[in-house]
Amino acid sequence: MILIGERINGLFRDVARAIAERNPEPIHALAVAQTKAGAHFLDVNTGPAVDEPEKVMGWLVRTVQEVVDTPICIDTMNVKALEAGLAAHRGRALINSTTGERAKLDAILPLAKEYGAQVIGLAMNEKGVPKDANDRTAIAMEIVAAADEYGISPQDLYLDPLILPVAVAQEHAPEVLETLRQVRLLADPPPRTVVGLSNVSQKSKNRSLVNRTFLAMAMACGLDAAILDVTDQDLMDVVATANILLNKEVYCDSYLEVARRAHAG
């Protein structure tokens, strides 16, 4: 399971304050904490309310990489900010994200090719997020085909079927699970899959429980990666237990302790 730490995001007040003050210390602390907790990537998002997002993204990427070598998931739909982040990034980044709209594919995929980055593709287009799994999968196929045009392997794609909050769009959850199953059949080798886990529990009373339950269900349907809170130990215990039940790790009575030590480095 590929873990993408969600916490360096300008939507959080402490990160927004650090960005406004150009204070690297909170960003350093979050980068180190998430890396120690087992993150394979660190999602970095300037937030929506910043001036000169390209300068902010470049600063954030450089600031994170001052203290950790964990690759960054550059989270922006602003092409200039994305390119600034890619130019500042040391090593291979993950782009978050493009949609299935042709104009966005033609803007994002050349940058992915130029910088050797992997890409998250969202199963939506100019019409929005489909309700039906088949329509989500059709958009995913269009993303795979467009990536192939630019010489990008399916293995460098992470397709996101877009889970919506269960509190307002309950009927979408089973469709997302079915999309995860279908996407694995799109290519050989198949593209990877990813979800922004916290989205499913927005406005829900029992957010942590909803997140944990959906993550286990999604892993059983073939989920490869998730953007989530890697410092939530209960959530990480679900990942470890699901790996055992899916026969991806060898069982032992102390498997939780083993997983925790592995995450701690």
C-alpha atoms as a PDB file:
ATOM      1  CA  MET A   1       0.000   0.000   0.000  1.00  0.00           C
ATOM      2  CA  ILE A   2       1.444   3.341  -1.090  1.00  0.00           C
ATOM      3  CA  LEU A   3       0.873   5.958   1.612  1.00  0.00           C
ATOM      4  CA  ILE A   4       0.662   9.638   0.646  1.00  0.00           C
ATOM      5  CA  GLY A   5       0.733  12.007   3.617  1.00  0.00           C
ATOM      6  CA  GLU A   6      -2.023  14.606   3.332  1.00  0.00           C
ATOM      7  CA  ARG A   7      -0.988  17.157   5.922  1.00  0.00           C
ATOM      8  CA  ILE A   8       1.090  19.809   4.097  1.00  0.00           C
ATOM      9  CA  ASN A   9      -1.912  21.616   2.701  1.00  0.00           C
ATOM     10  CA  GLY A  10      -2.768  25.295   2.881  1.00  0.00           C
ATOM     11  CA  LEU A  11      -6.325  24.369   3.865  1.00  0.00           C
ATOM     12  CA  PHE A  12      -4.934  23.617   7.338  1.00  0.00           C
ATOM     13  CA  ARG A  13      -4.545  26.759   9.433  1.00  0.00           C
ATOM     14  CA  ASP A  14      -1.030  26.016  10.644  1.00  0.00           C
ATOM     15  CA  VAL A  15       0.206  25.410   7.101  1.00  0.00           C
ATOM     16  CA  ALA A  16      -1.572  28.512   5.781  1.00  0.00           C
ATOM     17  CA  ARG A  17       0.077  30.566   8.524  1.00  0.00           C
ATOM     18  CA  ALA A  18       3.504  29.084   7.758  1.00  0.00           C
ATOM     19  CA  ILE A  19       3.046  29.912   4.077  1.00  0.00           C
ATOM     20  CA  ALA A  20       1.954  33.485   4.795  1.00  0.00           C
ATOM     21  CA  GLU A  21       4.944  34.033   7.091  1.00  0.00           C
ATOM     22  CA  ARG A  22       7.332  31.934   4.965  1.00  0.00           C
ATOM     23  CA  ASN A  23       8.165  30.093   8.163  1.00  0.00           C
ATOM     24  CA  PRO A  24       9.838  26.783   7.298  1.00  0.00           C
ATOM     25  CA  GLU A  25       9.701  25.240  10.781  1.00  0.00           C
ATOM     26  CA  PRO A  26       6.068  23.963  10.748  1.00  0.00           C
ATOM     27  CA  ILE A  27       6.610  22.575   7.248  1.00  0.00           C
ATOM     28  CA  HIS A  28       9.809  20.841   8.358  1.00  0.00           C
ATOM     29  CA  ALA A  29       8.039  19.319  11.360  1.00  0.00           C
ATOM     30  CA  LEU A  30       5.150  17.982   9.270  1.00  0.00           C
ATOM     31  CA  ALA A  31       7.489  16.564   6.633  1.00  0.00           C
ATOM     32  CA  VAL A  32       9.602  14.747   9.231  1.00  0.00           C
ATOM     33  CA  ALA A  33       6.608  13.461  11.221  1.00  0.00           C
ATOM     34  CA  GLN A  34       4.864  12.046   8.162  1.00  0.00           C
ATOM     35  CA  THR A  35       8.046  10.487   6.828  1.00  0.00           C
ATOM     36  CA  LYS A  36       8.709   8.825  10.185  1.00  0.00           C
ATOM     37  CA  ALA A  37       5.119   7.543  10.185  1.00  0.00           C
ATOM     38  CA  GLY A  38       5.765   5.695   6.915  1.00  0.00           C
ATOM     39  CA  ALA A  39       4.692   8.060   4.119  1.00  0.00           C
ATOM     40  CA  HIS A  40       5.994   7.088   0.690  1.00  0.00           C
ATOM     41  CA  PHE A  41       5.019  10.499  -0.742  1.00  0.00           C
ATOM     42  CA  LEU A  42       4.154  13.828   0.857  1.00  0.00           C
ATOM     43  CA  ASP A  43       1.220  15.655  -0.710  1.00  0.00           C
ATOM     44  CA  VAL A  44       1.985  19.387  -0.933  1.00  0.00           C
ATOM     45  CA  ASN A  45      -0.802  21.847  -1.665  1.00  0.00           C
ATOM     46  CA  THR A  46      -0.552  25.644  -1.397  1.00  0.00           C
ATOM     47  CA  GLY A  47      -4.249  25.996  -0.613  1.00  0.00           C
ATOM     48  CA  PRO A  48      -6.631  28.169  -2.618  1.00  0.00           C
ATOM     49  CA  ALA A  49      -6.006  31.548  -0.995  1.00  0.00           C
ATOM     50  CA  VAL A  50      -2.385  32.338  -1.848  1.00  0.00           C
ATOM     51  CA  ASP A  51      -0.943  35.023  -4.076  1.00  0.00           C
ATOM     52  CA  GLU A  52       1.673  33.885  -6.608  1.00  0.00           C
ATOM     53  CA  PRO A  53       0.977  30.151  -6.184  1.00  0.00           C
ATOM     54  CA  GLU A  54       3.925  29.218  -8.402  1.00  0.00           C
ATOM     55  CA  LYS A  55       6.361  30.929  -6.009  1.00  0.00           C
ATOM     56  CA  VAL A  56       4.655  29.371  -2.994  1.00  0.00           C
ATOM     57  CA  MET A  57       4.754  25.886  -4.503  1.00  0.00           C
ATOM     58  CA  GLY A  58       8.435  26.187  -5.313  1.00  0.00           C
ATOM     59  CA  TRP A  59       9.125  27.354  -1.753  1.00  0.00           C
ATOM     60  CA  LEU A  60       7.107  24.512  -0.243  1.00  0.00           C
ATOM     61  CA  VAL A  61       8.860  21.856  -2.313  1.00  0.00           C
ATOM     62  CA  ARG A  62      12.315  23.188  -1.471  1.00  0.00           C
ATOM     63  CA  THR A  63      11.383  23.555   2.196  1.00  0.00           C
ATOM     64  CA  VAL A  64      10.172  19.956   2.476  1.00  0.00           C
ATOM     65  CA  GLN A  65      13.256  18.612   0.735  1.00  0.00           C
ATOM     66  CA  GLU A  66      15.540  20.489   3.107  1.00  0.00           C
ATOM     67  CA  VAL A  67      14.720  17.892   5.765  1.00  0.00           C
ATOM     68  CA  VAL A  68      13.496  14.689   4.038  1.00  0.00           C
ATOM     69  CA  ASP A  69      14.145  12.775   0.848  1.00  0.00           C
ATOM     70  CA  THR A  70      10.538  11.567   0.608  1.00  0.00           C
ATOM     71  CA  PRO A  71       9.250  12.362  -2.895  1.00  0.00           C
ATOM     72  CA  ILE A  72       6.491  14.928  -3.176  1.00  0.00           C
ATOM     73  CA  CYS A  73       3.000  14.642  -4.590  1.00  0.00           C
ATOM     74  CA  ILE A  74       2.617  18.126  -6.111  1.00  0.00           C
ATOM     75  CA  ASP A  75      -1.042  18.914  -5.570  1.00  0.00           C
ATOM     76  CA  THR A  76      -2.327  21.700  -7.800  1.00  0.00           C
ATOM     77  CA  MET A  77      -4.449  22.272 -10.888  1.00  0.00           C
ATOM     78  CA  ASN A  78      -2.480  25.478 -11.623  1.00  0.00           C
ATOM     79  CA  VAL A  79      -0.096  24.589 -14.444  1.00  0.00           C
ATOM     80  CA  LYS A  80       2.394  27.347 -13.598  1.00  0.00           C
ATOM     81  CA  ALA A  81       2.480  26.267  -9.952  1.00  0.00           C
ATOM     82  CA  LEU A  82       2.874  22.656 -11.029  1.00  0.00           C
ATOM     83  CA  GLU A  83       5.808  23.451 -13.280  1.00  0.00           C
ATOM     84  CA  ALA A  84       7.434  25.502 -10.534  1.00  0.00           C
ATOM     85  CA  GLY A  85       7.069  22.577  -8.145  1.00  0.00           C
ATOM     86  CA  LEU A  86       8.478  20.108 -10.659  1.00  0.00           C
ATOM     87  CA  ALA A  87      11.431  22.392 -11.405  1.00  0.00           C
ATOM     88  CA  ALA A  88      12.195  22.701  -7.687  1.00  0.00           C
ATOM     89  CA  HIS A  89      11.759  18.997  -6.937  1.00  0.00           C
ATOM     90  CA  ARG A  90      14.761  16.773  -6.373  1.00  0.00           C
ATOM     91  CA  GLY A  91      14.091  13.280  -7.704  1.00  0.00           C
ATOM     92  CA  ARG A  92      10.896  11.853  -9.177  1.00  0.00           C
ATOM     93  CA  ALA A  93       7.662  13.601  -8.241  1.00  0.00           C
ATOM     94  CA  LEU A  94       4.002  12.595  -8.421  1.00  0.00           C
ATOM     95  CA  ILE A  95       1.615  15.076 -10.073  1.00  0.00           C
ATOM     96  CA  ASN A  96      -1.768  15.569  -8.423  1.00  0.00           C
ATOM     97  CA  SER A  97      -3.560  15.866 -10.804  1.00  0.00           C
ATOM     98  CA  THR A  98      -5.205  15.949 -14.210  1.00  0.00           C
ATOM     99  CA  THR A  99      -8.802  15.233 -15.129  1.00  0.00           C
ATOM    100  CA  GLY A 100     -10.006  13.473 -18.252  1.00  0.00           C
ATOM    101  CA  GLU A 101     -10.598  16.793 -20.024  1.00  0.00           C
ATOM    102  CA  ARG A 102      -8.465  16.834 -23.162  1.00  0.00           C
ATOM    103  CA  ALA A 103      -7.182  20.369 -22.600  1.00  0.00           C
ATOM    104  CA  LYS A 104      -5.945  19.452 -19.130  1.00  0.00           C
ATOM    105  CA  LEU A 105      -4.382  16.214 -20.337  1.00  0.00           C
ATOM    106  CA  ASP A 106      -2.544  18.147 -23.042  1.00  0.00           C
ATOM    107  CA  ALA A 107      -1.281  20.639 -20.446  1.00  0.00           C
ATOM    108  CA  ILE A 108      -0.263  18.195 -17.705  1.00  0.00           C
ATOM    109  CA  LEU A 109       1.018  15.094 -19.508  1.00  0.00           C
ATOM    110  CA  PRO A 110       3.828  16.895 -21.394  1.00  0.00           C
ATOM    111  CA  LEU A 111       5.121  18.191 -18.054  1.00  0.00           C
ATOM    112  CA  ALA A 112       4.989  14.676 -16.616  1.00  0.00           C
ATOM    113  CA  LYS A 113       7.008  13.416 -19.570  1.00  0.00           C
ATOM    114  CA  GLU A 114       9.509  16.284 -19.424  1.00  0.00           C
ATOM    115  CA  TYR A 115      10.205  15.882 -15.709  1.00  0.00           C
ATOM    116  CA  GLY A 116       9.804  12.092 -15.544  1.00  0.00           C
ATOM    117  CA  ALA A 117       6.954  12.425 -13.056  1.00  0.00           C
ATOM    118  CA  GLN A 118       4.136  10.035 -12.279  1.00  0.00           C
ATOM    119  CA  VAL A 119       0.577  11.338 -12.591  1.00  0.00           C
ATOM    120  CA  ILE A 120      -2.735  11.054 -10.755  1.00  0.00           C
ATOM    121  CA  GLY A 121      -5.689  11.096 -13.146  1.00  0.00           C
ATOM    122  CA  LEU A 122      -9.138  11.942 -11.809  1.00  0.00           C
ATOM    123  CA  ALA A 123     -12.140  10.070 -13.216  1.00  0.00           C
ATOM    124  CA  MET A 124     -14.024  13.236 -14.096  1.00  0.00           C
ATOM    125  CA  ASN A 125     -14.313  15.562 -17.064  1.00  0.00           C
ATOM    126  CA  GLU A 126     -15.991  18.839 -18.008  1.00  0.00           C
ATOM    127  CA  LYS A 127     -19.348  17.259 -17.093  1.00  0.00           C
ATOM    128  CA  GLY A 128     -18.216  16.611 -13.525  1.00  0.00           C
ATOM    129  CA  VAL A 129     -17.937  13.388 -11.520  1.00  0.00           C
ATOM    130  CA  PRO A 130     -19.967  10.510 -12.961  1.00  0.00           C
ATOM    131  CA  LYS A 131     -22.192   8.573 -10.614  1.00  0.00           C
ATOM    132  CA  ASP A 132     -21.846   5.292 -12.497  1.00  0.00           C
ATOM    133  CA  ALA A 133     -18.769   3.034 -12.260  1.00  0.00           C
ATOM    134  CA  ASN A 134     -18.813   2.347 -15.993  1.00  0.00           C
ATOM    135  CA  ASP A 135     -18.667   6.063 -16.778  1.00  0.00           C
ATOM    136  CA  ARG A 136     -15.832   6.559 -14.314  1.00  0.00           C
ATOM    137  CA  THR A 137     -13.938   3.684 -15.917  1.00  0.00           C
ATOM    138  CA  ALA A 138     -14.533   5.106 -19.403  1.00  0.00           C
ATOM    139  CA  ILE A 139     -12.881   8.377 -18.366  1.00  0.00           C
ATOM    140  CA  ALA A 140     -10.036   6.429 -16.777  1.00  0.00           C
ATOM    141  CA  MET A 141      -9.528   4.644 -20.093  1.00  0.00           C
ATOM    142  CA  GLU A 142      -9.325   7.988 -21.889  1.00  0.00           C
ATOM    143  CA  ILE A 143      -6.593   9.058 -19.456  1.00  0.00           C
ATOM    144  CA  VAL A 144      -4.662   5.830 -20.042  1.00  0.00           C
ATOM    145  CA  ALA A 145      -4.931   6.304 -23.815  1.00  0.00           C
ATOM    146  CA  ALA A 146      -3.808   9.944 -23.649  1.00  0.00           C
ATOM    147  CA  ALA A 147      -0.853   9.006 -21.455  1.00  0.00           C
ATOM    148  CA  ASP A 148       0.161   6.392 -23.994  1.00  0.00           C
ATOM    149  CA  GLU A 149       0.169   9.083 -26.694  1.00  0.00           C
ATOM    150  CA  TYR A 150       2.774  10.946 -24.642  1.00  0.00           C
ATOM    151  CA  GLY A 151       4.831   7.826 -23.955  1.00  0.00           C
ATOM    152  CA  ILE A 152       3.770   7.505 -20.326  1.00  0.00           C
ATOM    153  CA  SER A 153       3.379   3.945 -19.054  1.00  0.00           C
ATOM    154  CA  PRO A 154       0.181   2.848 -17.279  1.00  0.00           C
ATOM    155  CA  GLN A 155       2.397   1.971 -14.315  1.00  0.00           C
ATOM    156  CA  ASP A 156       3.210   5.664 -13.969  1.00  0.00           C
ATOM    157  CA  LEU A 157      -0.497   6.503 -13.690  1.00  0.00           C
ATOM    158  CA  TYR A 158      -2.560   6.564 -10.502  1.00  0.00           C
ATOM    159  CA  LEU A 159      -6.261   6.646 -11.364  1.00  0.00           C
ATOM    160  CA  ASP A 160      -8.553   8.203  -8.778  1.00  0.00           C
ATOM    161  CA  PRO A 161     -12.243   7.181  -9.044  1.00  0.00           C
ATOM    162  CA  LEU A 162     -13.123  10.144  -6.798  1.00  0.00           C
ATOM    163  CA  ILE A 163     -14.866   9.186  -3.600  1.00  0.00           C
ATOM    164  CA  LEU A 164     -17.390  11.807  -2.493  1.00  0.00           C
ATOM    165  CA  PRO A 165     -18.591  12.409   1.085  1.00  0.00           C
ATOM    166  CA  VAL A 166     -20.846   9.579   2.175  1.00  0.00           C
ATOM    167  CA  ALA A 167     -22.925  12.059   4.163  1.00  0.00           C
ATOM    168  CA  VAL A 168     -24.155  13.723   0.950  1.00  0.00           C
ATOM    169  CA  ALA A 169     -23.394  11.211  -1.834  1.00  0.00           C
ATOM    170  CA  GLN A 170     -23.829   7.801  -0.236  1.00  0.00           C
ATOM    171  CA  GLU A 171     -24.749   6.142  -3.524  1.00  0.00           C
ATOM    172  CA  HIS A 172     -21.284   6.909  -4.956  1.00  0.00           C
ATOM    173  CA  ALA A 173     -19.329   4.699  -2.544  1.00  0.00           C
ATOM    174  CA  PRO A 174     -20.245   1.322  -4.143  1.00  0.00           C
ATOM    175  CA  GLU A 175     -19.586   2.808  -7.589  1.00  0.00           C
ATOM    176  CA  VAL A 176     -16.081   3.839  -6.519  1.00  0.00           C
ATOM    177  CA  LEU A 177     -15.380   0.327  -5.239  1.00  0.00           C
ATOM    178  CA  GLU A 178     -16.564  -1.157  -8.524  1.00  0.00           C
ATOM    179  CA  THR A 179     -14.417   1.320 -10.458  1.00  0.00           C
ATOM    180  CA  LEU A 180     -11.366   0.149  -8.510  1.00  0.00           C
ATOM    181  CA  ARG A 181     -12.082  -3.390  -9.707  1.00  0.00           C
ATOM    182  CA  GLN A 182     -12.635  -2.346 -13.325  1.00  0.00           C
ATOM    183  CA  VAL A 183      -9.571  -0.116 -13.631  1.00  0.00           C
ATOM    184  CA  ARG A 184      -7.282  -3.088 -13.042  1.00  0.00           C
ATOM    185  CA  LEU A 185      -8.471  -4.504 -16.379  1.00  0.00           C
ATOM    186  CA  LEU A 186      -7.671  -1.431 -18.491  1.00  0.00           C
ATOM    187  CA  ALA A 187      -4.085  -2.274 -19.400  1.00  0.00           C
ATOM    188  CA  ASP A 188      -1.342  -4.810 -18.902  1.00  0.00           C
ATOM    189  CA  PRO A 189       0.426  -3.871 -16.721  1.00  0.00           C
ATOM    190  CA  PRO A 190      -2.519  -2.067 -15.106  1.00  0.00           C
ATOM    191  CA  PRO A 191      -2.458   1.519 -13.890  1.00  0.00           C
ATOM    192  CA  ARG A 192      -2.368   2.025 -10.152  1.00  0.00           C
ATOM    193  CA  THR A 193      -5.347   3.352  -8.209  1.00  0.00           C
ATOM    194  CA  VAL A 194      -5.545   5.999  -5.502  1.00  0.00           C
ATOM    195  CA  VAL A 195      -8.193   7.742  -3.399  1.00  0.00           C
ATOM    196  CA  GLY A 196      -8.205  10.881  -1.289  1.00  0.00           C
ATOM    197  CA  LEU A 197      -9.433   9.020   1.761  1.00  0.00           C
ATOM    198  CA  SER A 198     -10.529  11.940   3.936  1.00  0.00           C
ATOM    199  CA  ASN A 199     -13.079  12.989   1.308  1.00  0.00           C
ATOM    200  CA  VAL A 200     -15.343  10.046   2.154  1.00  0.00           C
ATOM    201  CA  SER A 201     -15.898  11.220   5.728  1.00  0.00           C
ATOM    202  CA  GLN A 202     -16.367  14.956   5.234  1.00  0.00           C
ATOM    203  CA  LYS A 203     -19.322  16.218   7.293  1.00  0.00           C
ATOM    204  CA  SER A 204     -19.684  12.775   8.902  1.00  0.00           C
ATOM    205  CA  LYS A 205     -19.953  12.368  12.657  1.00  0.00           C
ATOM    206  CA  ASN A 206     -17.662   9.334  12.934  1.00  0.00           C
ATOM    207  CA  ARG A 207     -14.944  10.439  10.544  1.00  0.00           C
ATOM    208  CA  SER A 208     -12.178   8.143  11.733  1.00  0.00           C
ATOM    209  CA  LEU A 209     -14.423   5.067  11.657  1.00  0.00           C
ATOM    210  CA  VAL A 210     -15.728   5.905   8.184  1.00  0.00           C
ATOM    211  CA  ASN A 211     -12.171   6.388   6.894  1.00  0.00           C
ATOM    212  CA  ARG A 212     -10.927   3.122   8.370  1.00  0.00           C
ATOM    213  CA  THR A 213     -13.857   1.079   7.098  1.00  0.00           C
ATOM    214  CA  PHE A 214     -13.758   2.478   3.575  1.00  0.00           C
ATOM    215  CA  LEU A 215      -9.990   2.020   3.351  1.00  0.00           C
ATOM    216  CA  ALA A 216     -10.264  -1.689   4.180  1.00  0.00           C
ATOM    217  CA  MET A 217     -13.080  -2.131   1.650  1.00  0.00           C
ATOM    218  CA  ALA A 218     -11.124  -0.284  -1.036  1.00  0.00           C
ATOM    219  CA  MET A 219      -7.990  -2.324  -0.408  1.00  0.00           C
ATOM    220  CA  ALA A 220     -10.048  -5.482  -0.894  1.00  0.00           C
ATOM    221  CA  CYS A 221     -11.103  -4.095  -4.295  1.00  0.00           C
ATOM    222  CA  GLY A 222      -7.492  -3.559  -5.352  1.00  0.00           C
ATOM    223  CA  LEU A 223      -6.664  -0.038  -4.130  1.00  0.00           C
ATOM    224  CA  ASP A 224      -2.936   0.645  -4.485  1.00  0.00           C
ATOM    225  CA  ALA A 225      -2.497   4.026  -2.788  1.00  0.00           C
ATOM    226  CA  ALA A 226      -4.268   6.570  -0.608  1.00  0.00           C
ATOM    227  CA  ILE A 227      -3.808  10.182   0.380  1.00  0.00           C
ATOM    228  CA  LEU A 228      -4.443  10.046   4.111  1.00  0.00           C
ATOM    229  CA  ASP A 229      -3.294  10.900   7.617  1.00  0.00           C
ATOM    230  CA  VAL A 230      -0.280   8.642   8.063  1.00  0.00           C
ATOM    231  CA  THR A 231       0.067   9.732  11.694  1.00  0.00           C
ATOM    232  CA  ASP A 232      -3.309   8.138  12.569  1.00  0.00           C
ATOM    233  CA  GLN A 233      -2.100   4.897  14.165  1.00  0.00           C
ATOM    234  CA  ASP A 234      -5.529   3.258  14.107  1.00  0.00           C
ATOM    235  CA  LEU A 235      -5.690   3.881  10.367  1.00  0.00           C
ATOM    236  CA  MET A 236      -2.196   2.477   9.839  1.00  0.00           C
ATOM    237  CA  ASP A 237      -3.192  -0.602  11.841  1.00  0.00           C
ATOM    238  CA  VAL A 238      -6.049  -1.144   9.360  1.00  0.00           C
ATOM    239  CA  VAL A 239      -3.528  -1.048   6.496  1.00  0.00           C
ATOM    240  CA  ALA A 240      -1.352  -3.631   8.234  1.00  0.00           C
ATOM    241  CA  THR A 241      -4.299  -5.894   9.046  1.00  0.00           C
ATOM    242  CA  ALA A 242      -5.774  -5.634   5.551  1.00  0.00           C
ATOM    243  CA  ASN A 243      -2.391  -6.598   4.113  1.00  0.00           C
ATOM    244  CA  ILE A 244      -2.485  -9.744   6.244  1.00  0.00           C
ATOM    245  CA  LEU A 245      -6.061 -10.632   5.283  1.00  0.00           C
ATOM    246  CA  LEU A 246      -5.325 -10.038   1.594  1.00  0.00           C
ATOM    247  CA  ASN A 247      -2.290 -12.321   1.866  1.00  0.00           C
ATOM    248  CA  LYS A 248       0.114  -9.524   0.970  1.00  0.00           C
ATOM    249  CA  GLU A 249       2.151  -9.955   4.161  1.00  0.00           C
ATOM    250  CA  VAL A 250       3.052 -13.065   6.146  1.00  0.00           C
ATOM    251  CA  TYR A 251       1.013 -13.425   9.332  1.00  0.00           C
ATOM    252  CA  CYS A 252       2.643 -13.485  12.741  1.00  0.00           C
ATOM    253  CA  ASP A 253       1.112 -12.700  16.131  1.00  0.00           C
ATOM    254  CA  SER A 254       3.208  -9.550  16.365  1.00  0.00           C
ATOM    255  CA  TYR A 255       2.381  -8.266  12.861  1.00  0.00           C
ATOM    256  CA  LEU A 256       1.184  -4.895  14.178  1.00  0.00           C
ATOM    257  CA  GLU A 257       4.448  -4.311  16.029  1.00  0.00           C
ATOM    258  CA  VAL A 258       6.373  -5.364  12.931  1.00  0.00           C
ATOM    259  CA  ALA A 259       4.415  -2.940  10.761  1.00  0.00           C
ATOM    260  CA  ARG A 260       4.863  -0.115  13.253  1.00  0.00           C
ATOM    261  CA  ARG A 261       8.607  -0.675  13.421  1.00  0.00           C
ATOM    262  CA  ALA A 262       8.798  -0.723   9.631  1.00  0.00           C
ATOM    263  CA  HIS A 263       6.916   2.557   9.409  1.00  0.00           C
ATOM    264  CA  ALA A 264       9.170   4.076  12.026  1.00  0.00           C
ATOM    265  CA  GLY A 265      12.143   3.236   9.802  1.00  0.00           C
END
